[in-house]
Amino acid sequence: MIKKENHIGKITVSRRYLKKLIGKTVTSCFGVVGMNEFGPKQCIKSMINGTSLDDGVVIYEKDNAVRIDLHIAVSYGVNISAISDSIVHKVRFAVENEAGIDVEKVNVYIDSMQS
């Protein structure tokens, strides 16, 4: 659970919701083929349950802000720099606008290319 307090009260957002929101935002970006699992925990989960939108999303919480690491697969022949910039801006906007949580940093790791 990620908690944030403001002058109105306390807001609690589950990590599961946040991961689904981020995964949906990333996969809707042009050139993104899908999400890649990261770490043994996500690999085992995807072997049991199949792939999901929250594969490849890692969230670190620090001082009422989050740092997000994304592990993605992109289409062959696309501009990687443009895709990365687009993903960073869209994810930052979605998390800050939908969940009200400050985003410290978004790191995009392109793990594979598919044709």
PDB file of N, CA and C in Angstrom:
ATOM      1  N   MET A   1       0.829  -1.179   0.000  1.00  0.00           N
ATOM      2  CA  MET A   1       0.000   0.000   0.000  1.00  0.00           C
ATOM      3  C   MET A   1       0.876   1.247   0.000  1.00  0.00           C
ATOM      4  N   ILE A   2       0.516   2.179  -0.828  1.00  0.00           N
ATOM      5  CA  ILE A   2       1.221   3.455  -0.889  1.00  0.00           C
ATOM      6  C   ILE A   2       0.278   4.501  -0.300  1.00  0.00           C
ATOM      7  N   LYS A   3       0.765   5.182   0.719  1.00  0.00           N
ATOM      8  CA  LYS A   3      -0.067   6.136   1.438  1.00  0.00           C
ATOM      9  C   LYS A   3       0.417   7.554   1.196  1.00  0.00           C
ATOM     10  N   LYS A   4      -0.548   8.456   1.076  1.00  0.00           N
ATOM     11  CA  LYS A   4      -0.234   9.859   0.895  1.00  0.00           C
ATOM     12  C   LYS A   4      -1.215  10.664   1.740  1.00  0.00           C
ATOM     13  N   GLU A   5      -0.680  11.648   2.429  1.00  0.00           N
ATOM     14  CA  GLU A   5      -1.521  12.509   3.249  1.00  0.00           C
ATOM     15  C   GLU A   5      -1.527  13.909   2.675  1.00  0.00           C
ATOM     16  N   ASN A   6      -2.710  14.519   2.673  1.00  0.00           N
ATOM     17  CA  ASN A   6      -2.814  15.919   2.275  1.00  0.00           C
ATOM     18  C   ASN A   6      -3.738  16.633   3.256  1.00  0.00           C
ATOM     19  N   HIS A   7      -4.104  17.869   2.950  1.00  0.00           N
ATOM     20  CA  HIS A   7      -4.908  18.656   3.890  1.00  0.00           C
ATOM     21  C   HIS A   7      -6.333  18.121   4.050  1.00  0.00           C
ATOM     22  N   ILE A   8      -6.790  17.295   3.132  1.00  0.00           N
ATOM     23  CA  ILE A   8      -8.138  16.745   3.205  1.00  0.00           C
ATOM     24  C   ILE A   8      -8.170  15.453   4.013  1.00  0.00           C
ATOM     25  N   GLY A   9      -7.122  14.652   3.894  1.00  0.00           N
ATOM     26  CA  GLY A   9      -7.088  13.376   4.592  1.00  0.00           C
ATOM     27  C   GLY A   9      -6.015  12.466   4.043  1.00  0.00           C
ATOM     28  N   LYS A  10      -6.187  11.173   4.276  1.00  0.00           N
ATOM     29  CA  LYS A  10      -5.198  10.174   3.871  1.00  0.00           C
ATOM     30  C   LYS A  10      -5.712   9.400   2.656  1.00  0.00           C
ATOM     31  N   ILE A  11      -4.834   9.199   1.695  1.00  0.00           N
ATOM     32  CA  ILE A  11      -5.158   8.429   0.499  1.00  0.00           C
ATOM     33  C   ILE A  11      -4.283   7.177   0.511  1.00  0.00           C
ATOM     34  N   THR A  12      -4.889   6.026   0.295  1.00  0.00           N
ATOM     35  CA  THR A  12      -4.155   4.777   0.233  1.00  0.00           C
ATOM     36  C   THR A  12      -4.415   4.129  -1.121  1.00  0.00           C
ATOM     37  N   VAL A  13      -3.337   3.833  -1.839  1.00  0.00           N
ATOM     38  CA  VAL A  13      -3.429   3.212  -3.162  1.00  0.00           C
ATOM     39  C   VAL A  13      -2.698   1.876  -3.096  1.00  0.00           C
ATOM     40  N   SER A  14      -3.341   0.830  -3.559  1.00  0.00           N
ATOM     41  CA  SER A  14      -2.689  -0.485  -3.525  1.00  0.00           C
ATOM     42  C   SER A  14      -1.641  -0.578  -4.634  1.00  0.00           C
ATOM     43  N   ARG A  15      -0.601  -1.329  -4.367  1.00  0.00           N
ATOM     44  CA  ARG A  15       0.452  -1.536  -5.364  1.00  0.00           C
ATOM     45  C   ARG A  15      -0.096  -2.266  -6.581  1.00  0.00           C
ATOM     46  N   ARG A  16      -1.032  -3.169  -6.360  1.00  0.00           N
ATOM     47  CA  ARG A  16      -1.628  -3.925  -7.465  1.00  0.00           C
ATOM     48  C   ARG A  16      -2.333  -2.995  -8.441  1.00  0.00           C
ATOM     49  N   TYR A  17      -3.133  -2.050  -7.905  1.00  0.00           N
ATOM     50  CA  TYR A  17      -3.813  -1.076  -8.768  1.00  0.00           C
ATOM     51  C   TYR A  17      -2.794  -0.232  -9.533  1.00  0.00           C
ATOM     52  N   LEU A  18      -1.781   0.230  -8.836  1.00  0.00           N
ATOM     53  CA  LEU A  18      -0.775   1.088  -9.444  1.00  0.00           C
ATOM     54  C   LEU A  18      -0.021   0.345 -10.549  1.00  0.00           C
ATOM     55  N   LYS A  19       0.322  -0.914 -10.315  1.00  0.00           N
ATOM     56  CA  LYS A  19       1.015  -1.704 -11.331  1.00  0.00           C
ATOM     57  C   LYS A  19       0.135  -1.931 -12.562  1.00  0.00           C
ATOM     58  N   LYS A  20      -1.150  -2.208 -12.361  1.00  0.00           N
ATOM     59  CA  LYS A  20      -2.077  -2.397 -13.480  1.00  0.00           C
ATOM     60  C   LYS A  20      -2.231  -1.096 -14.273  1.00  0.00           C
ATOM     61  N   LEU A  21      -2.348   0.028 -13.569  1.00  0.00           N
ATOM     62  CA  LEU A  21      -2.462   1.334 -14.230  1.00  0.00           C
ATOM     63  C   LEU A  21      -1.231   1.611 -15.086  1.00  0.00           C
ATOM     64  N   ILE A  22      -0.064   1.375 -14.524  1.00  0.00           N
ATOM     65  CA  ILE A  22       1.187   1.618 -15.250  1.00  0.00           C
ATOM     66  C   ILE A  22       1.313   0.656 -16.425  1.00  0.00           C
ATOM     67  N   GLY A  23       1.018  -0.605 -16.222  1.00  0.00           N
ATOM     68  CA  GLY A  23       1.103  -1.590 -17.296  1.00  0.00           C
ATOM     69  C   GLY A  23       0.180  -1.267 -18.453  1.00  0.00           C
ATOM     70  N   LYS A  24      -1.028  -0.846 -18.144  1.00  0.00           N
ATOM     71  CA  LYS A  24      -1.991  -0.482 -19.187  1.00  0.00           C
ATOM     72  C   LYS A  24      -1.532   0.757 -19.942  1.00  0.00           C
ATOM     73  N   THR A  25      -0.968   1.713 -19.228  1.00  0.00           N
ATOM     74  CA  THR A  25      -0.462   2.928 -19.861  1.00  0.00           C
ATOM     75  C   THR A  25       0.693   2.616 -20.789  1.00  0.00           C
ATOM     76  N   VAL A  26       1.623   1.791 -20.337  1.00  0.00           N
ATOM     77  CA  VAL A  26       2.806   1.456 -21.143  1.00  0.00           C
ATOM     78  C   VAL A  26       2.418   0.676 -22.389  1.00  0.00           C
ATOM     79  N   THR A  27       1.567  -0.332 -22.250  1.00  0.00           N
ATOM     80  CA  THR A  27       1.223  -1.166 -23.402  1.00  0.00           C
ATOM     81  C   THR A  27       0.380  -0.419 -24.430  1.00  0.00           C
ATOM     82  N   SER A  28      -0.213   0.716 -24.051  1.00  0.00           N
ATOM     83  CA  SER A  28      -0.980   1.502 -25.015  1.00  0.00           C
ATOM     84  C   SER A  28      -0.089   2.438 -25.835  1.00  0.00           C
ATOM     85  N   CYS A  29       1.194   2.533 -25.485  1.00  0.00           N
ATOM     86  CA  CYS A  29       2.119   3.403 -26.211  1.00  0.00           C
ATOM     87  C   CYS A  29       2.526   2.764 -27.536  1.00  0.00           C
ATOM     88  N   PHE A  30       2.710   3.594 -28.550  1.00  0.00           N
ATOM     89  CA  PHE A  30       3.122   3.126 -29.869  1.00  0.00           C
ATOM     90  C   PHE A  30       4.494   2.459 -29.798  1.00  0.00           C
ATOM     91  N   GLY A  31       4.628   1.317 -30.437  1.00  0.00           N
ATOM     92  CA  GLY A  31       5.907   0.635 -30.517  1.00  0.00           C
ATOM     93  C   GLY A  31       6.164  -0.367 -29.415  1.00  0.00           C
ATOM     94  N   VAL A  32       5.356  -0.364 -28.372  1.00  0.00           N
ATOM     95  CA  VAL A  32       5.549  -1.305 -27.265  1.00  0.00           C
ATOM     96  C   VAL A  32       4.806  -2.595 -27.597  1.00  0.00           C
ATOM     97  N   VAL A  33       5.540  -3.704 -27.597  1.00  0.00           N
ATOM     98  CA  VAL A  33       4.959  -5.006 -27.903  1.00  0.00           C
ATOM     99  C   VAL A  33       4.381  -5.634 -26.639  1.00  0.00           C
ATOM    100  N   GLY A  34       5.073  -5.455 -25.517  1.00  0.00           N
ATOM    101  CA  GLY A  34       4.597  -6.038 -24.272  1.00  0.00           C
ATOM    102  C   GLY A  34       5.550  -5.764 -23.134  1.00  0.00           C
ATOM    103  N   MET A  35       5.211  -6.347 -22.000  1.00  0.00           N
ATOM    104  CA  MET A  35       6.014  -6.189 -20.797  1.00  0.00           C
ATOM    105  C   MET A  35       6.835  -7.462 -20.601  1.00  0.00           C
ATOM    106  N   ASN A  36       8.054  -7.302 -20.082  1.00  0.00           N
ATOM    107  CA  ASN A  36       8.927  -8.438 -19.778  1.00  0.00           C
ATOM    108  C   ASN A  36       9.002  -8.635 -18.274  1.00  0.00           C
ATOM    109  N   GLU A  37       8.997  -9.893 -17.851  1.00  0.00           N
ATOM    110  CA  GLU A  37       9.116 -10.173 -16.419  1.00  0.00           C
ATOM    111  C   GLU A  37      10.488  -9.722 -15.934  1.00  0.00           C
ATOM    112  N   PHE A  38      10.527  -9.323 -14.665  1.00  0.00           N
ATOM    113  CA  PHE A  38      11.792  -8.932 -14.058  1.00  0.00           C
ATOM    114  C   PHE A  38      11.930  -9.631 -12.722  1.00  0.00           C
ATOM    115  N   GLY A  39      12.999 -10.355 -12.576  1.00  0.00           N
ATOM    116  CA  GLY A  39      13.274 -11.028 -11.312  1.00  0.00           C
ATOM    117  C   GLY A  39      12.592 -12.374 -11.211  1.00  0.00           C
ATOM    118  N   PRO A  40      13.062 -13.189 -10.283  1.00  0.00           N
ATOM    119  CA  PRO A  40      12.526 -14.546 -10.148  1.00  0.00           C
ATOM    120  C   PRO A  40      11.069 -14.588  -9.697  1.00  0.00           C
ATOM    121  N   LYS A  41      10.671 -13.636  -8.880  1.00  0.00           N
ATOM    122  CA  LYS A  41       9.302 -13.632  -8.371  1.00  0.00           C
ATOM    123  C   LYS A  41       8.293 -13.447  -9.509  1.00  0.00           C
ATOM    124  N   GLN A  42       8.564 -12.462 -10.391  1.00  0.00           N
ATOM    125  CA  GLN A  42       7.649 -12.226 -11.503  1.00  0.00           C
ATOM    126  C   GLN A  42       7.694 -13.361 -12.520  1.00  0.00           C
ATOM    127  N   CYS A  43       8.865 -13.960 -12.719  1.00  0.00           N
ATOM    128  CA  CYS A  43       8.986 -15.083 -13.658  1.00  0.00           C
ATOM    129  C   CYS A  43       8.150 -16.269 -13.200  1.00  0.00           C
ATOM    130  N   ILE A  44       8.225 -16.596 -11.929  1.00  0.00           N
ATOM    131  CA  ILE A  44       7.448 -17.715 -11.390  1.00  0.00           C
ATOM    132  C   ILE A  44       5.957 -17.406 -11.466  1.00  0.00           C
ATOM    133  N   LYS A  45       5.589 -16.178 -11.124  1.00  0.00           N
ATOM    134  CA  LYS A  45       4.180 -15.779 -11.179  1.00  0.00           C
ATOM    135  C   LYS A  45       3.627 -15.895 -12.595  1.00  0.00           C
ATOM    136  N   SER A  46       4.414 -15.468 -13.595  1.00  0.00           N
ATOM    137  CA  SER A  46       3.932 -15.524 -14.974  1.00  0.00           C
ATOM    138  C   SER A  46       3.884 -16.959 -15.501  1.00  0.00           C
ATOM    139  N   MET A  47       4.751 -17.837 -14.986  1.00  0.00           N
ATOM    140  CA  MET A  47       4.686 -19.249 -15.391  1.00  0.00           C
ATOM    141  C   MET A  47       3.417 -19.898 -14.858  1.00  0.00           C
ATOM    142  N   ILE A  48       2.995 -19.498 -13.675  1.00  0.00           N
ATOM    143  CA  ILE A  48       1.795 -20.083 -13.064  1.00  0.00           C
ATOM    144  C   ILE A  48       0.519 -19.454 -13.628  1.00  0.00           C
ATOM    145  N   ASN A  49       0.481 -18.114 -13.652  1.00  0.00           N
ATOM    146  CA  ASN A  49      -0.739 -17.401 -14.027  1.00  0.00           C
ATOM    147  C   ASN A  49      -0.768 -16.935 -15.476  1.00  0.00           C
ATOM    148  N   GLY A  50       0.336 -17.009 -16.182  1.00  0.00           N
ATOM    149  CA  GLY A  50       0.408 -16.444 -17.523  1.00  0.00           C
ATOM    150  C   GLY A  50       0.843 -14.985 -17.428  1.00  0.00           C
ATOM    151  N   THR A  51       1.021 -14.356 -18.567  1.00  0.00           N
ATOM    152  CA  THR A  51       1.487 -12.967 -18.557  1.00  0.00           C
ATOM    153  C   THR A  51       0.353 -12.030 -18.168  1.00  0.00           C
ATOM    154  N   SER A  52       0.722 -10.922 -17.573  1.00  0.00           N
ATOM    155  CA  SER A  52      -0.263  -9.922 -17.191  1.00  0.00           C
ATOM    156  C   SER A  52       0.332  -8.536 -17.389  1.00  0.00           C
ATOM    157  N   LEU A  53      -0.491  -7.529 -17.212  1.00  0.00           N
ATOM    158  CA  LEU A  53      -0.062  -6.153 -17.438  1.00  0.00           C
ATOM    159  C   LEU A  53       0.981  -5.677 -16.434  1.00  0.00           C
ATOM    160  N   ASP A  54       0.994  -6.271 -15.253  1.00  0.00           N
ATOM    161  CA  ASP A  54       1.926  -5.779 -14.243  1.00  0.00           C
ATOM    162  C   ASP A  54       3.290  -6.463 -14.293  1.00  0.00           C
ATOM    163  N   ASP A  55       3.497  -7.364 -15.256  1.00  0.00           N
ATOM    164  CA  ASP A  55       4.832  -7.937 -15.444  1.00  0.00           C
ATOM    165  C   ASP A  55       5.774  -6.820 -15.871  1.00  0.00           C
ATOM    166  N   GLY A  56       6.958  -6.802 -15.328  1.00  0.00           N
ATOM    167  CA  GLY A  56       7.937  -5.804 -15.729  1.00  0.00           C
ATOM    168  C   GLY A  56       7.800  -4.458 -15.057  1.00  0.00           C
ATOM    169  N   VAL A  57       6.860  -4.310 -14.149  1.00  0.00           N
ATOM    170  CA  VAL A  57       6.686  -3.054 -13.417  1.00  0.00           C
ATOM    171  C   VAL A  57       7.222  -3.251 -12.008  1.00  0.00           C
ATOM    172  N   VAL A  58       8.210  -2.443 -11.638  1.00  0.00           N
ATOM    173  CA  VAL A  58       8.789  -2.502 -10.299  1.00  0.00           C
ATOM    174  C   VAL A  58       8.641  -1.114  -9.691  1.00  0.00           C
ATOM    175  N   ILE A  59       8.060  -1.051  -8.498  1.00  0.00           N
ATOM    176  CA  ILE A  59       7.788   0.226  -7.838  1.00  0.00           C
ATOM    177  C   ILE A  59       8.579   0.297  -6.537  1.00  0.00           C
ATOM    178  N   TYR A  60       9.287   1.405  -6.368  1.00  0.00           N
ATOM    179  CA  TYR A  60      10.015   1.684  -5.130  1.00  0.00           C
ATOM    180  C   TYR A  60       9.423   2.941  -4.518  1.00  0.00           C
ATOM    181  N   GLU A  61       9.093   2.873  -3.243  1.00  0.00           N
ATOM    182  CA  GLU A  61       8.493   4.015  -2.555  1.00  0.00           C
ATOM    183  C   GLU A  61       9.531   4.701  -1.679  1.00  0.00           C
ATOM    184  N   LYS A  62       9.539   6.047  -1.732  1.00  0.00           N
ATOM    185  CA  LYS A  62      10.472   6.805  -0.913  1.00  0.00           C
ATOM    186  C   LYS A  62       9.897   8.196  -0.653  1.00  0.00           C
ATOM    187  N   ASP A  63       9.680   8.527   0.601  1.00  0.00           N
ATOM    188  CA  ASP A  63       9.237   9.866   1.011  1.00  0.00           C
ATOM    189  C   ASP A  63       8.027  10.364   0.231  1.00  0.00           C
ATOM    190  N   ASN A  64       6.930   9.613   0.232  1.00  0.00           N
ATOM    191  CA  ASN A  64       5.683   9.992  -0.431  1.00  0.00           C
ATOM    192  C   ASN A  64       5.826  10.176  -1.933  1.00  0.00           C
ATOM    193  N   ALA A  65       6.829   9.594  -2.533  1.00  0.00           N
ATOM    194  CA  ALA A  65       7.003   9.597  -3.982  1.00  0.00           C
ATOM    195  C   ALA A  65       7.420   8.189  -4.394  1.00  0.00           C
ATOM    196  N   VAL A  66       7.273   7.893  -5.679  1.00  0.00           N
ATOM    197  CA  VAL A  66       7.637   6.572  -6.168  1.00  0.00           C
ATOM    198  C   VAL A  66       8.665   6.680  -7.286  1.00  0.00           C
ATOM    199  N   ARG A  67       9.491   5.651  -7.379  1.00  0.00           N
ATOM    200  CA  ARG A  67      10.386   5.469  -8.512  1.00  0.00           C
ATOM    201  C   ARG A  67       9.906   4.217  -9.211  1.00  0.00           C
ATOM    202  N   ILE A  68       9.755   4.297 -10.525  1.00  0.00           N
ATOM    203  CA  ILE A  68       9.179   3.201 -11.293  1.00  0.00           C
ATOM    204  C   ILE A  68      10.203   2.686 -12.296  1.00  0.00           C
ATOM    205  N   ASP A  69      10.424   1.372 -12.286  1.00  0.00           N
ATOM    206  CA  ASP A  69      11.268   0.721 -13.276  1.00  0.00           C
ATOM    207  C   ASP A  69      10.364  -0.105 -14.184  1.00  0.00           C
ATOM    208  N   LEU A  70      10.553   0.052 -15.500  1.00  0.00           N
ATOM    209  CA  LEU A  70       9.738  -0.651 -16.479  1.00  0.00           C
ATOM    210  C   LEU A  70      10.636  -1.510 -17.363  1.00  0.00           C
ATOM    211  N   HIS A  71      10.275  -2.763 -17.537  1.00  0.00           N
ATOM    212  CA  HIS A  71      10.999  -3.679 -18.407  1.00  0.00           C
ATOM    213  C   HIS A  71      10.057  -4.043 -19.553  1.00  0.00           C
ATOM    214  N   ILE A  72      10.437  -3.602 -20.773  1.00  0.00           N
ATOM    215  CA  ILE A  72       9.508  -3.727 -21.897  1.00  0.00           C
ATOM    216  C   ILE A  72      10.164  -4.386 -23.106  1.00  0.00           C
ATOM    217  N   ALA A  73       9.303  -4.793 -24.043  1.00  0.00           N
ATOM    218  CA  ALA A  73       9.721  -5.275 -25.356  1.00  0.00           C
ATOM    219  C   ALA A  73       9.146  -4.311 -26.391  1.00  0.00           C
ATOM    220  N   VAL A  74       9.954  -3.939 -27.379  1.00  0.00           N
ATOM    221  CA  VAL A  74       9.512  -2.993 -28.403  1.00  0.00           C
ATOM    222  C   VAL A  74       9.558  -3.637 -29.784  1.00  0.00           C
ATOM    223  N   SER A  75       8.895  -2.991 -30.723  1.00  0.00           N
ATOM    224  CA  SER A  75       8.913  -3.444 -32.114  1.00  0.00           C
ATOM    225  C   SER A  75      10.248  -3.104 -32.753  1.00  0.00           C
ATOM    226  N   TYR A  76      10.687  -3.962 -33.655  1.00  0.00           N
ATOM    227  CA  TYR A  76      11.926  -3.729 -34.374  1.00  0.00           C
ATOM    228  C   TYR A  76      11.742  -2.535 -35.318  1.00  0.00           C
ATOM    229  N   GLY A  77      12.742  -1.652 -35.356  1.00  0.00           N
ATOM    230  CA  GLY A  77      12.738  -0.539 -36.302  1.00  0.00           C
ATOM    231  C   GLY A  77      12.135   0.748 -35.777  1.00  0.00           C
ATOM    232  N   VAL A  78      11.726   0.790 -34.533  1.00  0.00           N
ATOM    233  CA  VAL A  78      11.156   2.031 -33.996  1.00  0.00           C
ATOM    234  C   VAL A  78      12.242   2.850 -33.318  1.00  0.00           C
ATOM    235  N   ASN A  79      11.997   4.120 -33.169  1.00  0.00           N
ATOM    236  CA  ASN A  79      12.946   5.016 -32.517  1.00  0.00           C
ATOM    237  C   ASN A  79      12.879   4.787 -31.005  1.00  0.00           C
ATOM    238  N   ILE A  80      13.896   4.179 -30.460  1.00  0.00           N
ATOM    239  CA  ILE A  80      13.900   3.806 -29.044  1.00  0.00           C
ATOM    240  C   ILE A  80      13.873   5.031 -28.143  1.00  0.00           C
ATOM    241  N   SER A  81      14.597   6.060 -28.504  1.00  0.00           N
ATOM    242  CA  SER A  81      14.628   7.284 -27.703  1.00  0.00           C
ATOM    243  C   SER A  81      13.240   7.929 -27.629  1.00  0.00           C
ATOM    244  N   ALA A  82      12.549   7.986 -28.754  1.00  0.00           N
ATOM    245  CA  ALA A  82      11.213   8.583 -28.782  1.00  0.00           C
ATOM    246  C   ALA A  82      10.214   7.765 -27.972  1.00  0.00           C
ATOM    247  N   ILE A  83      10.315   6.442 -28.095  1.00  0.00           N
ATOM    248  CA  ILE A  83       9.410   5.577 -27.329  1.00  0.00           C
ATOM    249  C   ILE A  83       9.654   5.742 -25.830  1.00  0.00           C
ATOM    250  N   SER A  84      10.912   5.761 -25.431  1.00  0.00           N
ATOM    251  CA  SER A  84      11.250   5.903 -24.010  1.00  0.00           C
ATOM    252  C   SER A  84      10.740   7.222 -23.451  1.00  0.00           C
ATOM    253  N   ASP A  85      10.949   8.303 -24.179  1.00  0.00           N
ATOM    254  CA  ASP A  85      10.468   9.615 -23.721  1.00  0.00           C
ATOM    255  C   ASP A  85       8.949   9.632 -23.601  1.00  0.00           C
ATOM    256  N   SER A  86       8.281   9.061 -24.577  1.00  0.00           N
ATOM    257  CA  SER A  86       6.822   9.009 -24.555  1.00  0.00           C
ATOM    258  C   SER A  86       6.308   8.215 -23.363  1.00  0.00           C
ATOM    259  N   ILE A  87       6.937   7.066 -23.102  1.00  0.00           N
ATOM    260  CA  ILE A  87       6.522   6.226 -21.976  1.00  0.00           C
ATOM    261  C   ILE A  87       6.719   6.957 -20.658  1.00  0.00           C
ATOM    262  N   VAL A  88       7.865   7.608 -20.497  1.00  0.00           N
ATOM    263  CA  VAL A  88       8.153   8.334 -19.246  1.00  0.00           C
ATOM    264  C   VAL A  88       7.087   9.400 -19.001  1.00  0.00           C
ATOM    265  N   HIS A  89       6.760  10.187 -20.025  1.00  0.00           N
ATOM    266  CA  HIS A  89       5.777  11.260 -19.849  1.00  0.00           C
ATOM    267  C   HIS A  89       4.380  10.707 -19.577  1.00  0.00           C
ATOM    268  N   LYS A  90       3.979   9.670 -20.320  1.00  0.00           N
ATOM    269  CA  LYS A  90       2.637   9.113 -20.128  1.00  0.00           C
ATOM    270  C   LYS A  90       2.474   8.445 -18.766  1.00  0.00           C
ATOM    271  N   VAL A  91       3.491   7.707 -18.332  1.00  0.00           N
ATOM    272  CA  VAL A  91       3.406   7.033 -17.034  1.00  0.00           C
ATOM    273  C   VAL A  91       3.379   8.061 -15.905  1.00  0.00           C
ATOM    274  N   ARG A  92       4.248   9.059 -15.988  1.00  0.00           N
ATOM    275  CA  ARG A  92       4.273  10.106 -14.964  1.00  0.00           C
ATOM    276  C   ARG A  92       2.905  10.801 -14.872  1.00  0.00           C
ATOM    277  N   PHE A  93       2.338  11.156 -16.026  1.00  0.00           N
ATOM    278  CA  PHE A  93       1.037  11.827 -16.042  1.00  0.00           C
ATOM    279  C   PHE A  93      -0.049  10.927 -15.474  1.00  0.00           C
ATOM    280  N   ALA A  94      -0.087   9.653 -15.889  1.00  0.00           N
ATOM    281  CA  ALA A  94      -1.133   8.745 -15.431  1.00  0.00           C
ATOM    282  C   ALA A  94      -1.080   8.542 -13.920  1.00  0.00           C
ATOM    283  N   VAL A  95       0.112   8.319 -13.381  1.00  0.00           N
ATOM    284  CA  VAL A  95       0.225   8.057 -11.936  1.00  0.00           C
ATOM    285  C   VAL A  95      -0.096   9.314 -11.139  1.00  0.00           C
ATOM    286  N   GLU A  96       0.436  10.449 -11.554  1.00  0.00           N
ATOM    287  CA  GLU A  96       0.169  11.678 -10.799  1.00  0.00           C
ATOM    288  C   GLU A  96      -1.276  12.125 -10.938  1.00  0.00           C
ATOM    289  N   ASN A  97      -1.874  11.934 -12.117  1.00  0.00           N
ATOM    290  CA  ASN A  97      -3.246  12.387 -12.338  1.00  0.00           C
ATOM    291  C   ASN A  97      -4.274  11.417 -11.766  1.00  0.00           C
ATOM    292  N   GLU A  98      -4.107  10.122 -12.010  1.00  0.00           N
ATOM    293  CA  GLU A  98      -5.094   9.140 -11.579  1.00  0.00           C
ATOM    294  C   GLU A  98      -4.973   8.768 -10.104  1.00  0.00           C
ATOM    295  N   ALA A  99      -3.737   8.593  -9.630  1.00  0.00           N
ATOM    296  CA  ALA A  99      -3.539   8.111  -8.263  1.00  0.00           C
ATOM    297  C   ALA A  99      -3.157   9.224  -7.292  1.00  0.00           C
ATOM    298  N   GLY A 100      -2.730  10.371  -7.803  1.00  0.00           N
ATOM    299  CA  GLY A 100      -2.342  11.473  -6.925  1.00  0.00           C
ATOM    300  C   GLY A 100      -1.031  11.244  -6.207  1.00  0.00           C
ATOM    301  N   ILE A 101      -0.174  10.400  -6.771  1.00  0.00           N
ATOM    302  CA  ILE A 101       1.111  10.083  -6.154  1.00  0.00           C
ATOM    303  C   ILE A 101       2.217  10.741  -6.965  1.00  0.00           C
ATOM    304  N   ASP A 102       3.138  11.392  -6.273  1.00  0.00           N
ATOM    305  CA  ASP A 102       4.258  12.037  -6.951  1.00  0.00           C
ATOM    306  C   ASP A 102       5.215  10.991  -7.496  1.00  0.00           C
ATOM    307  N   VAL A 103       5.683  11.228  -8.719  1.00  0.00           N
ATOM    308  CA  VAL A 103       6.634  10.314  -9.355  1.00  0.00           C
ATOM    309  C   VAL A 103       7.999  10.982  -9.356  1.00  0.00           C
ATOM    310  N   GLU A 104       8.939  10.357  -8.668  1.00  0.00           N
ATOM    311  CA  GLU A 104      10.297  10.872  -8.593  1.00  0.00           C
ATOM    312  C   GLU A 104      11.045  10.615  -9.897  1.00  0.00           C
ATOM    313  N   LYS A 105      10.916   9.374 -10.405  1.00  0.00           N
ATOM    314  CA  LYS A 105      11.677   8.993 -11.582  1.00  0.00           C
ATOM    315  C   LYS A 105      11.030   7.792 -12.251  1.00  0.00           C
ATOM    316  N   VAL A 106      11.115   7.732 -13.581  1.00  0.00           N
ATOM    317  CA  VAL A 106      10.665   6.574 -14.340  1.00  0.00           C
ATOM    318  C   VAL A 106      11.848   6.084 -15.166  1.00  0.00           C
ATOM    319  N   ASN A 107      12.251   4.835 -14.941  1.00  0.00           N
ATOM    320  CA  ASN A 107      13.345   4.222 -15.700  1.00  0.00           C
ATOM    321  C   ASN A 107      12.752   3.204 -16.661  1.00  0.00           C
ATOM    322  N   VAL A 108      13.148   3.298 -17.939  1.00  0.00           N
ATOM    323  CA  VAL A 108      12.659   2.374 -18.955  1.00  0.00           C
ATOM    324  C   VAL A 108      13.819   1.489 -19.397  1.00  0.00           C
ATOM    325  N   TYR A 109      13.638   0.183 -19.233  1.00  0.00           N
ATOM    326  CA  TYR A 109      14.633  -0.799 -19.658  1.00  0.00           C
ATOM    327  C   TYR A 109      14.045  -1.592 -20.828  1.00  0.00           C
ATOM    328  N   ILE A 110      14.673  -1.495 -21.972  1.00  0.00           N
ATOM    329  CA  ILE A 110      14.218  -2.230 -23.144  1.00  0.00           C
ATOM    330  C   ILE A 110      14.983  -3.549 -23.167  1.00  0.00           C
ATOM    331  N   ASP A 111      14.287  -4.605 -22.814  1.00  0.00           N
ATOM    332  CA  ASP A 111      14.905  -5.916 -22.664  1.00  0.00           C
ATOM    333  C   ASP A 111      14.918  -6.734 -23.948  1.00  0.00           C
ATOM    334  N   SER A 112      13.992  -6.442 -24.855  1.00  0.00           N
ATOM    335  CA  SER A 112      13.969  -7.218 -26.100  1.00  0.00           C
ATOM    336  C   SER A 112      13.292  -6.435 -27.211  1.00  0.00           C
ATOM    337  N   MET A 113      13.585  -6.881 -28.449  1.00  0.00           N
ATOM    338  CA  MET A 113      12.954  -6.337 -29.646  1.00  0.00           C
ATOM    339  C   MET A 113      12.294  -7.483 -30.379  1.00  0.00           C
ATOM    340  N   GLN A 114      11.110  -7.218 -30.908  1.00  0.00           N
ATOM    341  CA  GLN A 114      10.406  -8.252 -31.659  1.00  0.00           C
ATOM    342  C   GLN A 114      10.008  -7.694 -33.016  1.00  0.00           C
ATOM    343  N   SER A 115       9.986  -8.566 -34.013  1.00  0.00           N
ATOM    344  CA  SER A 115       9.628  -8.099 -35.354  1.00  0.00           C
ATOM    345  C   SER A 115       8.173  -8.352 -35.641  1.00  0.00           C
TER     346      SER A 115
END
